[in-house]
């Protein structure tokens, strides 16, 4: 069980950064350069690559997580990078520990089809408002968290290159809040593998930090 996390403060004047911020498909390709080559089928999954874009009025920062990361493989001048080993954090995820969390998720449900469409898969429908909150609460519980607070922030949809999957499939919501650890093993698995869909488009990376005990 090991993982590394890179904080990349993006250089807004770099052409590759400008391109990637407007093309989620290309962003994914750029970040896959950070992990080893020749991983065969499902390379993102095998590398454990997850990422999230945190933006303020003045800065854009990428958080990138994988089993191993080599920031030197990014385009020259892409951004300033800080690398951290997450292994000690997993040992600190003890039952009943209070934590703060942040995650961007792609809350969706699959359309239920009539019996006339047996064997076919319905469309994925984006969830918003209370339905999205309920989706996150359910997934957080499965991931070993008991939520105390959550602040949802709707984000712009991920922007895949023209001609790719529909934008609705990559609807994104960020959740910030506090929680208590209920199942350290499930939570470790969720951190390592991500939560939900659209992981190639900046969703699923769960960030944790200690919270004061009451």
N, C-alpha and C. Protein backbone atom coordinates (compact mmCIF):
# COMPACT_ATOMS: atom_id res chain seq x y z
N UNK A 1 0.85 -1.19 0.00
CA UNK A 1 0.00 0.00 0.00
C UNK A 1 0.89 1.24 0.00
N UNK A 2 0.95 1.92 -1.13
CA UNK A 2 1.73 3.15 -1.20
C UNK A 2 1.11 4.06 -2.25
N UNK A 3 1.32 5.34 -2.03
CA UNK A 3 0.82 6.32 -3.00
C UNK A 3 1.60 7.61 -2.80
N UNK A 4 1.73 8.35 -3.87
CA UNK A 4 2.37 9.65 -3.84
C UNK A 4 1.36 10.69 -4.30
N UNK A 5 1.50 11.90 -3.77
CA UNK A 5 0.62 13.00 -4.14
C UNK A 5 1.48 14.18 -4.56
N UNK A 6 1.18 14.74 -5.74
CA UNK A 6 1.89 15.91 -6.23
C UNK A 6 0.95 17.11 -6.26
N UNK A 7 1.43 18.24 -5.73
CA UNK A 7 0.74 19.52 -5.91
C UNK A 7 1.47 20.26 -7.02
N UNK A 8 0.75 20.59 -8.07
CA UNK A 8 1.35 21.29 -9.20
C UNK A 8 0.66 22.65 -9.35
N UNK A 9 1.38 23.71 -8.99
CA UNK A 9 0.83 25.06 -9.17
C UNK A 9 1.09 25.45 -10.62
N UNK A 10 0.03 25.52 -11.39
CA UNK A 10 0.15 25.66 -12.84
C UNK A 10 0.64 27.04 -13.24
N UNK A 11 1.45 27.05 -14.29
CA UNK A 11 1.92 28.28 -14.90
C UNK A 11 0.88 28.74 -15.92
N UNK A 12 0.12 29.80 -15.63
CA UNK A 12 -0.99 30.18 -16.52
C UNK A 12 -0.53 30.66 -17.89
N UNK A 13 0.77 30.97 -18.04
CA UNK A 13 1.28 31.47 -19.31
C UNK A 13 1.80 30.36 -20.22
N UNK A 14 1.84 29.13 -19.70
CA UNK A 14 2.37 28.01 -20.48
C UNK A 14 1.31 27.53 -21.47
N UNK A 15 1.70 27.34 -22.72
CA UNK A 15 0.71 26.94 -23.74
C UNK A 15 0.06 25.60 -23.43
N UNK A 16 0.86 24.65 -22.92
CA UNK A 16 0.29 23.33 -22.60
C UNK A 16 -0.72 23.44 -21.46
N UNK A 17 -0.48 24.30 -20.49
CA UNK A 17 -1.43 24.51 -19.41
C UNK A 17 -2.72 25.11 -19.95
N UNK A 18 -2.61 26.13 -20.79
CA UNK A 18 -3.80 26.75 -21.37
C UNK A 18 -4.61 25.74 -22.17
N UNK A 19 -3.92 24.90 -22.91
CA UNK A 19 -4.60 23.85 -23.69
C UNK A 19 -5.29 22.85 -22.78
N UNK A 20 -4.59 22.38 -21.76
CA UNK A 20 -5.14 21.33 -20.89
C UNK A 20 -6.33 21.83 -20.08
N UNK A 21 -6.33 23.09 -19.68
CA UNK A 21 -7.44 23.63 -18.90
C UNK A 21 -8.73 23.71 -19.72
N UNK A 22 -8.61 23.65 -21.04
CA UNK A 22 -9.79 23.69 -21.91
C UNK A 22 -10.05 22.37 -22.61
N UNK A 23 -9.30 21.33 -22.24
CA UNK A 23 -9.46 20.03 -22.91
C UNK A 23 -9.12 18.94 -21.90
N UNK A 24 -10.15 18.40 -21.25
CA UNK A 24 -9.94 17.41 -20.21
C UNK A 24 -9.28 16.14 -20.74
N UNK A 25 -9.52 15.82 -22.00
CA UNK A 25 -8.87 14.66 -22.60
C UNK A 25 -7.36 14.86 -22.66
N UNK A 26 -6.95 16.05 -23.08
CA UNK A 26 -5.53 16.35 -23.17
C UNK A 26 -4.90 16.47 -21.77
N UNK A 27 -5.64 17.01 -20.81
CA UNK A 27 -5.15 17.07 -19.44
C UNK A 27 -4.81 15.67 -18.93
N UNK A 28 -5.70 14.73 -19.18
CA UNK A 28 -5.46 13.35 -18.77
C UNK A 28 -4.20 12.79 -19.43
N UNK A 29 -4.02 13.07 -20.70
CA UNK A 29 -2.83 12.59 -21.40
C UNK A 29 -1.55 13.18 -20.81
N UNK A 30 -1.60 14.47 -20.51
CA UNK A 30 -0.42 15.11 -19.92
C UNK A 30 -0.07 14.47 -18.58
N UNK A 31 -1.08 14.23 -17.74
CA UNK A 31 -0.81 13.69 -16.41
C UNK A 31 -0.39 12.23 -16.46
N UNK A 32 -0.80 11.50 -17.48
CA UNK A 32 -0.35 10.12 -17.62
C UNK A 32 1.14 10.03 -17.90
N UNK A 33 1.74 11.13 -18.30
CA UNK A 33 3.19 11.15 -18.49
C UNK A 33 3.93 11.00 -17.17
N UNK A 34 3.25 11.27 -16.05
CA UNK A 34 3.87 11.20 -14.74
C UNK A 34 4.06 9.78 -14.23
N UNK A 35 3.36 8.81 -14.83
CA UNK A 35 3.41 7.43 -14.35
C UNK A 35 4.21 6.58 -15.33
N UNK A 36 4.63 5.38 -14.91
CA UNK A 36 5.45 4.54 -15.80
C UNK A 36 4.75 4.20 -17.11
N UNK A 37 5.54 3.96 -18.14
CA UNK A 37 5.02 3.54 -19.44
C UNK A 37 4.72 2.04 -19.44
N UNK A 38 4.09 1.59 -20.53
CA UNK A 38 3.89 0.16 -20.80
C UNK A 38 3.12 -0.54 -19.68
N UNK A 39 2.02 0.06 -19.25
CA UNK A 39 1.19 -0.55 -18.21
C UNK A 39 0.10 -1.43 -18.79
N UNK A 40 0.07 -1.58 -20.11
CA UNK A 40 -0.91 -2.46 -20.73
C UNK A 40 -2.30 -1.87 -20.76
N UNK A 41 -3.31 -2.76 -20.66
CA UNK A 41 -4.70 -2.30 -20.67
C UNK A 41 -5.01 -1.54 -19.38
N UNK A 42 -5.92 -0.59 -19.46
CA UNK A 42 -6.36 0.22 -18.32
C UNK A 42 -5.17 0.82 -17.57
N UNK A 43 -4.30 1.56 -18.25
CA UNK A 43 -3.10 2.09 -17.58
C UNK A 43 -3.40 3.05 -16.44
N UNK A 44 -4.46 3.88 -16.56
CA UNK A 44 -4.77 4.80 -15.48
C UNK A 44 -5.11 4.04 -14.20
N UNK A 45 -5.91 2.99 -14.37
CA UNK A 45 -6.31 2.20 -13.20
C UNK A 45 -5.11 1.47 -12.61
N UNK A 46 -4.26 0.92 -13.44
CA UNK A 46 -3.09 0.20 -12.92
C UNK A 46 -2.12 1.14 -12.22
N UNK A 47 -2.00 2.36 -12.72
CA UNK A 47 -1.11 3.34 -12.08
C UNK A 47 -1.73 3.94 -10.83
N UNK A 48 -3.06 3.80 -10.68
CA UNK A 48 -3.75 4.44 -9.58
C UNK A 48 -3.82 5.95 -9.74
N UNK A 49 -3.82 6.42 -10.99
CA UNK A 49 -3.79 7.87 -11.24
C UNK A 49 -5.15 8.49 -10.99
N UNK A 50 -5.16 9.50 -10.12
CA UNK A 50 -6.33 10.32 -9.86
C UNK A 50 -5.86 11.76 -9.82
N UNK A 51 -6.75 12.68 -10.16
CA UNK A 51 -6.35 14.08 -10.05
C UNK A 51 -7.56 14.97 -9.80
N UNK A 52 -7.27 16.18 -9.32
CA UNK A 52 -8.31 17.17 -9.10
C UNK A 52 -7.72 18.55 -9.37
N UNK A 53 -8.49 19.41 -9.96
CA UNK A 53 -8.09 20.78 -10.22
C UNK A 53 -8.75 21.68 -9.18
N UNK A 54 -7.93 22.34 -8.35
CA UNK A 54 -8.43 23.31 -7.38
C UNK A 54 -8.11 24.70 -7.89
N UNK A 55 -9.15 25.52 -8.08
CA UNK A 55 -8.95 26.86 -8.64
C UNK A 55 -9.43 27.93 -7.69
N UNK A 56 -8.66 29.02 -7.64
CA UNK A 56 -9.09 30.24 -6.95
C UNK A 56 -9.13 31.36 -7.99
N UNK A 57 -9.37 32.57 -7.53
CA UNK A 57 -9.40 33.70 -8.47
C UNK A 57 -8.03 33.96 -9.09
N UNK A 58 -6.96 33.52 -8.41
CA UNK A 58 -5.61 33.87 -8.87
C UNK A 58 -4.74 32.68 -9.23
N UNK A 59 -5.08 31.47 -8.78
CA UNK A 59 -4.22 30.31 -9.03
C UNK A 59 -5.02 29.09 -9.44
N UNK A 60 -4.35 28.20 -10.16
CA UNK A 60 -4.89 26.88 -10.50
C UNK A 60 -3.87 25.85 -10.05
N UNK A 61 -4.30 24.92 -9.20
CA UNK A 61 -3.41 23.90 -8.66
C UNK A 61 -3.97 22.53 -8.97
N UNK A 62 -3.13 21.66 -9.53
CA UNK A 62 -3.48 20.28 -9.77
C UNK A 62 -2.98 19.42 -8.62
N UNK A 63 -3.84 18.58 -8.08
CA UNK A 63 -3.44 17.54 -7.17
C UNK A 63 -3.47 16.23 -7.95
N UNK A 64 -2.35 15.55 -7.99
CA UNK A 64 -2.23 14.33 -8.78
C UNK A 64 -1.73 13.22 -7.87
N UNK A 65 -2.44 12.09 -7.86
CA UNK A 65 -2.10 10.97 -7.00
C UNK A 65 -1.90 9.71 -7.84
N UNK A 66 -0.89 8.92 -7.49
CA UNK A 66 -0.65 7.64 -8.14
C UNK A 66 0.29 6.83 -7.26
N UNK A 67 0.49 5.56 -7.62
CA UNK A 67 1.42 4.73 -6.84
C UNK A 67 2.82 5.32 -6.90
N UNK A 68 3.24 5.76 -8.07
CA UNK A 68 4.52 6.46 -8.23
C UNK A 68 4.31 7.60 -9.22
N UNK A 69 5.03 8.70 -9.00
CA UNK A 69 4.92 9.88 -9.85
C UNK A 69 6.31 10.42 -10.14
N UNK A 70 6.51 10.87 -11.39
CA UNK A 70 7.78 11.48 -11.78
C UNK A 70 7.48 12.85 -12.39
N UNK A 71 7.46 13.91 -11.56
CA UNK A 71 7.14 15.25 -12.07
C UNK A 71 8.10 15.76 -13.13
N UNK A 72 9.30 15.20 -13.20
CA UNK A 72 10.27 15.64 -14.21
C UNK A 72 9.79 15.35 -15.63
N UNK A 73 8.78 14.50 -15.77
CA UNK A 73 8.27 14.16 -17.09
C UNK A 73 7.20 15.13 -17.59
N UNK A 74 6.84 16.10 -16.77
CA UNK A 74 5.92 17.14 -17.23
C UNK A 74 6.62 18.05 -18.23
N UNK A 75 5.87 18.73 -19.10
CA UNK A 75 6.49 19.72 -19.99
C UNK A 75 7.27 20.76 -19.18
N UNK A 76 8.42 21.16 -19.69
CA UNK A 76 9.26 22.13 -18.99
C UNK A 76 8.48 23.43 -18.75
N UNK A 77 8.48 23.89 -17.50
CA UNK A 77 7.79 25.13 -17.16
C UNK A 77 6.31 24.99 -16.92
N UNK A 78 5.79 23.76 -16.88
CA UNK A 78 4.36 23.53 -16.73
C UNK A 78 3.83 24.06 -15.40
N UNK A 79 4.66 23.94 -14.35
CA UNK A 79 4.25 24.43 -13.05
C UNK A 79 5.25 24.05 -11.98
N UNK A 80 5.08 24.63 -10.79
CA UNK A 80 5.92 24.31 -9.64
C UNK A 80 5.29 23.13 -8.90
N UNK A 81 6.13 22.11 -8.60
CA UNK A 81 5.60 20.86 -8.07
C UNK A 81 6.18 20.55 -6.70
N UNK A 82 5.30 20.09 -5.81
CA UNK A 82 5.70 19.57 -4.50
C UNK A 82 5.18 18.14 -4.40
N UNK A 83 6.04 17.22 -3.96
CA UNK A 83 5.69 15.80 -3.93
C UNK A 83 5.66 15.31 -2.49
N UNK A 84 4.67 14.47 -2.17
CA UNK A 84 4.52 13.96 -0.81
C UNK A 84 4.18 12.48 -0.85
N UNK A 85 4.78 11.70 0.07
CA UNK A 85 4.46 10.29 0.24
C UNK A 85 3.23 10.19 1.15
N UNK A 86 2.19 9.52 0.68
CA UNK A 86 0.95 9.41 1.45
C UNK A 86 0.94 8.23 2.41
N UNK A 87 1.96 7.37 2.37
CA UNK A 87 1.96 6.16 3.18
C UNK A 87 1.71 6.44 4.66
N UNK A 88 2.37 7.45 5.29
CA UNK A 88 2.11 7.69 6.72
C UNK A 88 0.65 8.05 7.01
N UNK A 89 -0.02 8.67 6.07
CA UNK A 89 -1.41 9.05 6.30
C UNK A 89 -2.30 7.83 6.50
N UNK A 90 -2.03 6.76 5.75
CA UNK A 90 -2.89 5.58 5.86
C UNK A 90 -2.82 4.98 7.26
N UNK A 91 -1.64 5.01 7.88
CA UNK A 91 -1.51 4.51 9.23
C UNK A 91 -2.24 5.35 10.26
N UNK A 92 -2.49 6.61 9.91
CA UNK A 92 -3.18 7.53 10.83
C UNK A 92 -4.69 7.48 10.70
N UNK A 93 -5.21 6.72 9.74
CA UNK A 93 -6.66 6.64 9.54
C UNK A 93 -7.25 5.61 10.49
N UNK A 94 -7.37 5.99 11.75
CA UNK A 94 -7.90 5.10 12.77
C UNK A 94 -9.40 5.32 12.96
N UNK A 95 -10.06 4.28 13.44
CA UNK A 95 -11.52 4.36 13.66
C UNK A 95 -11.85 5.48 14.63
N UNK A 96 -12.91 6.22 14.32
CA UNK A 96 -13.45 7.34 15.11
C UNK A 96 -12.60 8.60 15.02
N UNK A 97 -11.61 8.61 14.15
CA UNK A 97 -10.80 9.83 14.01
C UNK A 97 -11.59 10.88 13.23
N UNK A 98 -11.63 12.13 13.72
CA UNK A 98 -12.29 13.21 12.97
C UNK A 98 -11.38 13.72 11.86
N UNK A 99 -11.95 13.96 10.70
CA UNK A 99 -11.17 14.44 9.56
C UNK A 99 -11.94 15.52 8.80
N UNK A 100 -11.18 16.29 8.02
CA UNK A 100 -11.76 17.18 7.02
C UNK A 100 -11.53 16.54 5.66
N UNK A 101 -12.44 16.76 4.73
CA UNK A 101 -12.30 16.12 3.42
C UNK A 101 -12.63 17.11 2.31
N UNK A 102 -12.12 16.80 1.13
CA UNK A 102 -12.51 17.48 -0.10
C UNK A 102 -12.50 16.45 -1.22
N UNK A 103 -13.50 16.51 -2.07
CA UNK A 103 -13.57 15.60 -3.22
C UNK A 103 -14.41 16.25 -4.31
N UNK A 104 -14.03 16.03 -5.56
CA UNK A 104 -14.87 16.36 -6.71
C UNK A 104 -15.43 15.05 -7.24
N UNK A 105 -16.75 15.00 -7.41
CA UNK A 105 -17.40 13.76 -7.84
C UNK A 105 -18.28 14.01 -9.06
N UNK A 106 -18.65 12.92 -9.69
CA UNK A 106 -19.52 12.93 -10.86
C UNK A 106 -20.79 12.16 -10.49
N UNK A 107 -21.72 12.80 -9.74
CA UNK A 107 -22.91 12.08 -9.29
C UNK A 107 -23.90 11.85 -10.43
N UNK A 108 -24.14 10.59 -10.72
CA UNK A 108 -25.06 10.24 -11.80
C UNK A 108 -25.90 9.03 -11.39
N UNK A 109 -27.00 8.85 -12.08
CA UNK A 109 -27.77 7.61 -11.96
C UNK A 109 -28.04 7.10 -13.37
N UNK A 110 -28.28 5.81 -13.47
CA UNK A 110 -28.55 5.20 -14.77
C UNK A 110 -30.05 5.12 -14.99
N UNK A 111 -30.50 5.61 -16.13
CA UNK A 111 -31.91 5.60 -16.48
C UNK A 111 -32.46 4.18 -16.47
N UNK A 112 -33.61 4.00 -15.85
CA UNK A 112 -34.26 2.68 -15.82
C UNK A 112 -35.10 2.51 -17.08
N UNK A 113 -34.86 1.45 -17.81
CA UNK A 113 -35.56 1.20 -19.06
C UNK A 113 -36.69 0.20 -18.86
N UNK A 114 -37.65 0.25 -19.75
CA UNK A 114 -38.76 -0.69 -19.69
C UNK A 114 -38.30 -2.08 -20.12
N UNK A 115 -39.15 -3.06 -19.88
CA UNK A 115 -38.83 -4.44 -20.25
C UNK A 115 -38.63 -4.58 -21.76
N UNK A 116 -39.20 -3.64 -22.54
CA UNK A 116 -39.02 -3.70 -23.99
C UNK A 116 -37.56 -3.48 -24.38
N UNK A 117 -36.76 -2.91 -23.47
CA UNK A 117 -35.35 -2.63 -23.75
C UNK A 117 -34.43 -3.54 -22.94
N UNK A 118 -34.89 -4.74 -22.67
CA UNK A 118 -34.10 -5.68 -21.87
C UNK A 118 -32.72 -5.91 -22.50
N UNK A 119 -31.70 -5.85 -21.67
CA UNK A 119 -30.34 -6.05 -22.17
C UNK A 119 -29.65 -4.77 -22.59
N UNK A 120 -30.41 -3.67 -22.67
CA UNK A 120 -29.82 -2.38 -23.03
C UNK A 120 -29.55 -1.55 -21.77
N UNK A 121 -28.58 -0.68 -21.85
CA UNK A 121 -28.24 0.18 -20.73
C UNK A 121 -28.83 1.57 -20.93
N UNK A 122 -29.46 2.08 -19.89
CA UNK A 122 -30.03 3.41 -19.98
C UNK A 122 -28.97 4.50 -19.93
N UNK A 123 -29.38 5.71 -20.26
CA UNK A 123 -28.47 6.85 -20.21
C UNK A 123 -28.08 7.15 -18.77
N UNK A 124 -26.88 7.72 -18.61
CA UNK A 124 -26.48 8.20 -17.30
C UNK A 124 -27.00 9.63 -17.13
N UNK A 125 -27.72 9.86 -16.05
CA UNK A 125 -28.38 11.14 -15.82
C UNK A 125 -27.67 11.87 -14.68
N UNK A 126 -27.18 13.09 -14.90
CA UNK A 126 -26.52 13.85 -13.83
C UNK A 126 -27.48 14.14 -12.68
N UNK A 127 -26.98 14.05 -11.46
CA UNK A 127 -27.76 14.36 -10.27
C UNK A 127 -27.35 15.74 -9.74
N UNK A 128 -28.32 16.50 -9.31
CA UNK A 128 -28.05 17.83 -8.76
C UNK A 128 -28.80 17.99 -7.45
N UNK A 129 -28.46 19.04 -6.71
CA UNK A 129 -29.18 19.38 -5.49
C UNK A 129 -29.21 18.25 -4.48
N UNK A 130 -30.39 18.01 -3.91
CA UNK A 130 -30.53 17.02 -2.85
C UNK A 130 -30.18 15.62 -3.33
N UNK A 131 -30.50 15.30 -4.59
CA UNK A 131 -30.17 13.97 -5.11
C UNK A 131 -28.67 13.76 -5.15
N UNK A 132 -27.92 14.79 -5.54
CA UNK A 132 -26.46 14.68 -5.55
C UNK A 132 -25.93 14.53 -4.13
N UNK A 133 -26.50 15.30 -3.19
CA UNK A 133 -26.07 15.20 -1.79
C UNK A 133 -26.31 13.79 -1.25
N UNK A 134 -27.45 13.21 -1.59
CA UNK A 134 -27.76 11.85 -1.14
C UNK A 134 -26.79 10.84 -1.77
N UNK A 135 -26.45 11.07 -3.03
CA UNK A 135 -25.47 10.19 -3.70
C UNK A 135 -24.14 10.23 -2.97
N UNK A 136 -23.65 11.43 -2.64
CA UNK A 136 -22.37 11.56 -1.96
C UNK A 136 -22.42 10.96 -0.56
N UNK A 137 -23.52 11.18 0.16
CA UNK A 137 -23.65 10.60 1.50
C UNK A 137 -23.57 9.08 1.45
N UNK A 138 -24.24 8.49 0.48
CA UNK A 138 -24.22 7.03 0.34
C UNK A 138 -22.82 6.52 -0.01
N UNK A 139 -22.16 7.20 -0.95
CA UNK A 139 -20.83 6.75 -1.35
C UNK A 139 -19.81 6.97 -0.24
N UNK A 140 -19.95 8.06 0.52
CA UNK A 140 -19.04 8.31 1.63
C UNK A 140 -19.20 7.24 2.71
N UNK A 141 -20.43 6.85 2.99
CA UNK A 141 -20.68 5.80 3.98
C UNK A 141 -20.02 4.50 3.54
N UNK A 142 -20.17 4.15 2.27
CA UNK A 142 -19.54 2.94 1.75
C UNK A 142 -18.02 3.02 1.85
N UNK A 143 -17.48 4.25 1.78
CA UNK A 143 -16.04 4.46 1.81
C UNK A 143 -15.48 4.57 3.22
N UNK A 144 -16.31 4.33 4.24
CA UNK A 144 -15.81 4.33 5.61
C UNK A 144 -15.83 5.67 6.29
N UNK A 145 -16.75 6.54 5.88
CA UNK A 145 -16.87 7.86 6.49
C UNK A 145 -18.29 8.07 7.01
N UNK A 146 -18.40 8.68 8.18
CA UNK A 146 -19.68 9.19 8.67
C UNK A 146 -19.62 10.71 8.54
N UNK A 147 -20.41 11.26 7.63
CA UNK A 147 -20.35 12.69 7.35
C UNK A 147 -21.03 13.49 8.46
N UNK A 148 -20.40 14.60 8.83
CA UNK A 148 -21.01 15.55 9.76
C UNK A 148 -21.48 16.80 9.01
N UNK A 149 -20.65 17.30 8.12
CA UNK A 149 -21.02 18.47 7.33
C UNK A 149 -20.61 18.25 5.89
N UNK A 150 -21.30 18.93 5.00
CA UNK A 150 -20.90 18.93 3.59
C UNK A 150 -21.33 20.23 2.95
N UNK A 151 -20.42 20.79 2.17
CA UNK A 151 -20.69 22.01 1.43
C UNK A 151 -20.53 21.69 -0.05
N UNK A 152 -21.64 21.60 -0.81
CA UNK A 152 -21.53 21.32 -2.23
C UNK A 152 -21.25 22.57 -3.05
N UNK A 153 -20.37 22.45 -4.02
CA UNK A 153 -20.06 23.54 -4.94
C UNK A 153 -20.14 23.01 -6.36
N UNK A 154 -21.20 23.33 -7.12
CA UNK A 154 -21.26 22.90 -8.52
C UNK A 154 -20.10 23.50 -9.31
N UNK A 155 -19.49 22.69 -10.15
CA UNK A 155 -18.38 23.12 -10.98
C UNK A 155 -18.77 23.09 -12.44
N UNK A 156 -17.99 23.77 -13.27
CA UNK A 156 -18.20 23.65 -14.70
C UNK A 156 -17.99 22.20 -15.11
N UNK A 157 -18.79 21.68 -16.05
CA UNK A 157 -18.57 20.31 -16.50
C UNK A 157 -17.16 20.13 -17.07
N UNK A 158 -16.62 18.92 -16.91
CA UNK A 158 -15.35 18.62 -17.57
C UNK A 158 -15.52 18.82 -19.06
N UNK A 159 -14.48 19.34 -19.71
CA UNK A 159 -14.59 19.71 -21.11
C UNK A 159 -13.75 18.76 -21.96
N UNK A 160 -14.31 17.59 -22.34
CA UNK A 160 -13.55 16.72 -23.22
C UNK A 160 -13.44 17.31 -24.62
N UNK A 161 -12.49 16.82 -25.36
CA UNK A 161 -12.29 17.29 -26.73
C UNK A 161 -13.57 17.09 -27.53
N UNK A 162 -13.83 17.99 -28.46
CA UNK A 162 -15.03 17.90 -29.30
C UNK A 162 -15.12 16.52 -29.93
N UNK A 163 -16.34 15.97 -29.90
CA UNK A 163 -16.55 14.66 -30.49
C UNK A 163 -16.48 13.53 -29.50
N UNK A 164 -16.08 13.83 -28.24
CA UNK A 164 -16.01 12.78 -27.22
C UNK A 164 -17.38 12.62 -26.57
N UNK A 165 -17.41 11.96 -25.39
CA UNK A 165 -18.68 11.70 -24.71
C UNK A 165 -19.36 13.00 -24.33
N UNK A 166 -20.66 12.92 -24.09
CA UNK A 166 -21.43 14.13 -23.79
C UNK A 166 -20.97 14.76 -22.49
N UNK A 167 -21.10 16.09 -22.42
CA UNK A 167 -20.68 16.81 -21.22
C UNK A 167 -21.48 16.38 -20.00
N UNK A 168 -22.77 16.02 -20.19
CA UNK A 168 -23.58 15.62 -19.05
C UNK A 168 -22.99 14.46 -18.30
N UNK A 169 -22.28 13.61 -18.98
CA UNK A 169 -21.67 12.45 -18.35
C UNK A 169 -20.55 12.87 -17.42
N UNK A 170 -20.04 14.08 -17.58
CA UNK A 170 -18.91 14.53 -16.78
C UNK A 170 -19.30 15.75 -15.93
N UNK A 171 -20.55 15.77 -15.50
CA UNK A 171 -21.05 16.77 -14.55
C UNK A 171 -20.27 16.63 -13.24
N UNK A 172 -19.78 17.74 -12.68
CA UNK A 172 -18.91 17.69 -11.51
C UNK A 172 -19.45 18.55 -10.37
N UNK A 173 -19.30 18.03 -9.15
CA UNK A 173 -19.64 18.75 -7.93
C UNK A 173 -18.51 18.54 -6.94
N UNK A 174 -18.08 19.63 -6.28
CA UNK A 174 -17.07 19.50 -5.22
C UNK A 174 -17.77 19.51 -3.87
N UNK A 175 -17.33 18.61 -3.00
CA UNK A 175 -17.83 18.56 -1.63
C UNK A 175 -16.69 18.80 -0.65
N UNK A 176 -16.91 19.71 0.29
CA UNK A 176 -15.99 19.97 1.39
C UNK A 176 -16.76 19.76 2.69
N UNK A 177 -16.07 19.25 3.71
CA UNK A 177 -16.76 19.08 4.98
C UNK A 177 -15.95 18.34 6.00
N UNK A 178 -16.64 17.89 7.04
CA UNK A 178 -16.01 17.13 8.12
C UNK A 178 -16.71 15.79 8.25
N UNK A 179 -15.97 14.83 8.81
CA UNK A 179 -16.50 13.48 8.94
C UNK A 179 -15.72 12.74 10.02
N UNK A 180 -16.21 11.55 10.36
CA UNK A 180 -15.51 10.65 11.28
C UNK A 180 -15.21 9.35 10.54
N UNK A 181 -14.02 8.81 10.75
CA UNK A 181 -13.64 7.55 10.13
C UNK A 181 -14.39 6.41 10.82
N UNK A 182 -15.10 5.60 10.04
CA UNK A 182 -15.81 4.44 10.58
C UNK A 182 -15.16 3.13 10.18
N UNK A 183 -14.48 3.10 9.04
CA UNK A 183 -13.86 1.87 8.54
C UNK A 183 -12.55 2.24 7.87
N UNK A 184 -11.42 2.18 8.60
CA UNK A 184 -10.14 2.59 8.02
C UNK A 184 -9.75 1.82 6.77
N UNK A 185 -10.05 0.53 6.71
CA UNK A 185 -9.69 -0.27 5.54
C UNK A 185 -10.46 0.19 4.30
N UNK A 186 -11.76 0.39 4.45
CA UNK A 186 -12.57 0.86 3.32
C UNK A 186 -12.13 2.25 2.89
N UNK A 187 -11.78 3.10 3.85
CA UNK A 187 -11.37 4.46 3.53
C UNK A 187 -10.03 4.46 2.79
N UNK A 188 -9.11 3.64 3.23
CA UNK A 188 -7.83 3.53 2.52
C UNK A 188 -8.05 3.10 1.08
N UNK A 189 -8.91 2.12 0.89
CA UNK A 189 -9.21 1.65 -0.47
C UNK A 189 -9.82 2.77 -1.31
N UNK A 190 -10.71 3.57 -0.71
CA UNK A 190 -11.35 4.66 -1.44
C UNK A 190 -10.34 5.73 -1.84
N UNK A 191 -9.41 6.02 -0.94
CA UNK A 191 -8.38 7.02 -1.26
C UNK A 191 -7.51 6.52 -2.41
N UNK A 192 -7.14 5.25 -2.38
CA UNK A 192 -6.24 4.71 -3.40
C UNK A 192 -6.90 4.55 -4.76
N UNK A 193 -8.18 4.20 -4.79
CA UNK A 193 -8.85 3.88 -6.05
C UNK A 193 -9.80 4.96 -6.53
N UNK A 194 -10.15 5.92 -5.65
CA UNK A 194 -11.07 6.97 -6.05
C UNK A 194 -12.53 6.56 -5.88
N UNK A 195 -13.41 7.53 -5.99
CA UNK A 195 -14.84 7.31 -5.77
C UNK A 195 -15.63 7.80 -6.98
N UNK A 196 -16.49 6.93 -7.50
CA UNK A 196 -17.39 7.31 -8.57
C UNK A 196 -16.77 7.22 -9.95
N UNK A 197 -17.45 7.85 -10.91
CA UNK A 197 -17.05 7.82 -12.31
C UNK A 197 -16.24 9.06 -12.69
N UNK A 198 -15.87 9.12 -13.96
CA UNK A 198 -15.18 10.28 -14.56
C UNK A 198 -13.82 10.54 -13.92
N UNK A 199 -13.13 9.46 -13.53
CA UNK A 199 -11.81 9.63 -12.90
C UNK A 199 -10.78 10.15 -13.89
N UNK A 200 -10.97 9.92 -15.16
CA UNK A 200 -10.06 10.46 -16.17
C UNK A 200 -10.33 11.94 -16.44
N UNK A 201 -11.39 12.47 -15.84
CA UNK A 201 -11.79 13.85 -16.08
C UNK A 201 -11.76 14.69 -14.80
N UNK A 202 -10.94 14.28 -13.83
CA UNK A 202 -10.74 15.10 -12.64
C UNK A 202 -11.66 14.82 -11.48
N UNK A 203 -12.36 13.69 -11.49
CA UNK A 203 -13.26 13.33 -10.40
C UNK A 203 -12.68 12.15 -9.61
N UNK A 204 -13.12 12.03 -8.35
CA UNK A 204 -12.83 10.83 -7.58
C UNK A 204 -11.73 10.92 -6.56
N UNK A 205 -10.84 11.91 -6.64
CA UNK A 205 -9.71 12.02 -5.71
C UNK A 205 -10.19 12.56 -4.37
N UNK A 206 -10.06 11.75 -3.31
CA UNK A 206 -10.50 12.12 -1.97
C UNK A 206 -9.31 12.61 -1.16
N UNK A 207 -9.36 13.88 -0.75
CA UNK A 207 -8.30 14.46 0.09
C UNK A 207 -8.76 14.50 1.54
N UNK A 208 -7.86 14.13 2.45
CA UNK A 208 -8.18 14.08 3.87
C UNK A 208 -7.15 14.89 4.66
N UNK A 209 -7.62 15.47 5.78
CA UNK A 209 -6.73 16.19 6.69
C UNK A 209 -7.30 16.06 8.09
N UNK A 210 -6.44 16.10 9.13
CA UNK A 210 -6.95 15.99 10.50
C UNK A 210 -7.91 17.12 10.83
N UNK A 211 -8.89 16.80 11.67
CA UNK A 211 -9.82 17.81 12.19
C UNK A 211 -9.72 17.78 13.71
N UNK A 212 -9.96 18.91 14.38
CA UNK A 212 -9.87 18.91 15.84
C UNK A 212 -10.93 18.01 16.46
N UNK A 213 -10.56 17.33 17.53
CA UNK A 213 -11.53 16.50 18.26
C UNK A 213 -12.40 17.39 19.12
N UNK A 214 -13.66 17.03 19.22
CA UNK A 214 -14.61 17.83 20.01
C UNK A 214 -14.54 17.45 21.48
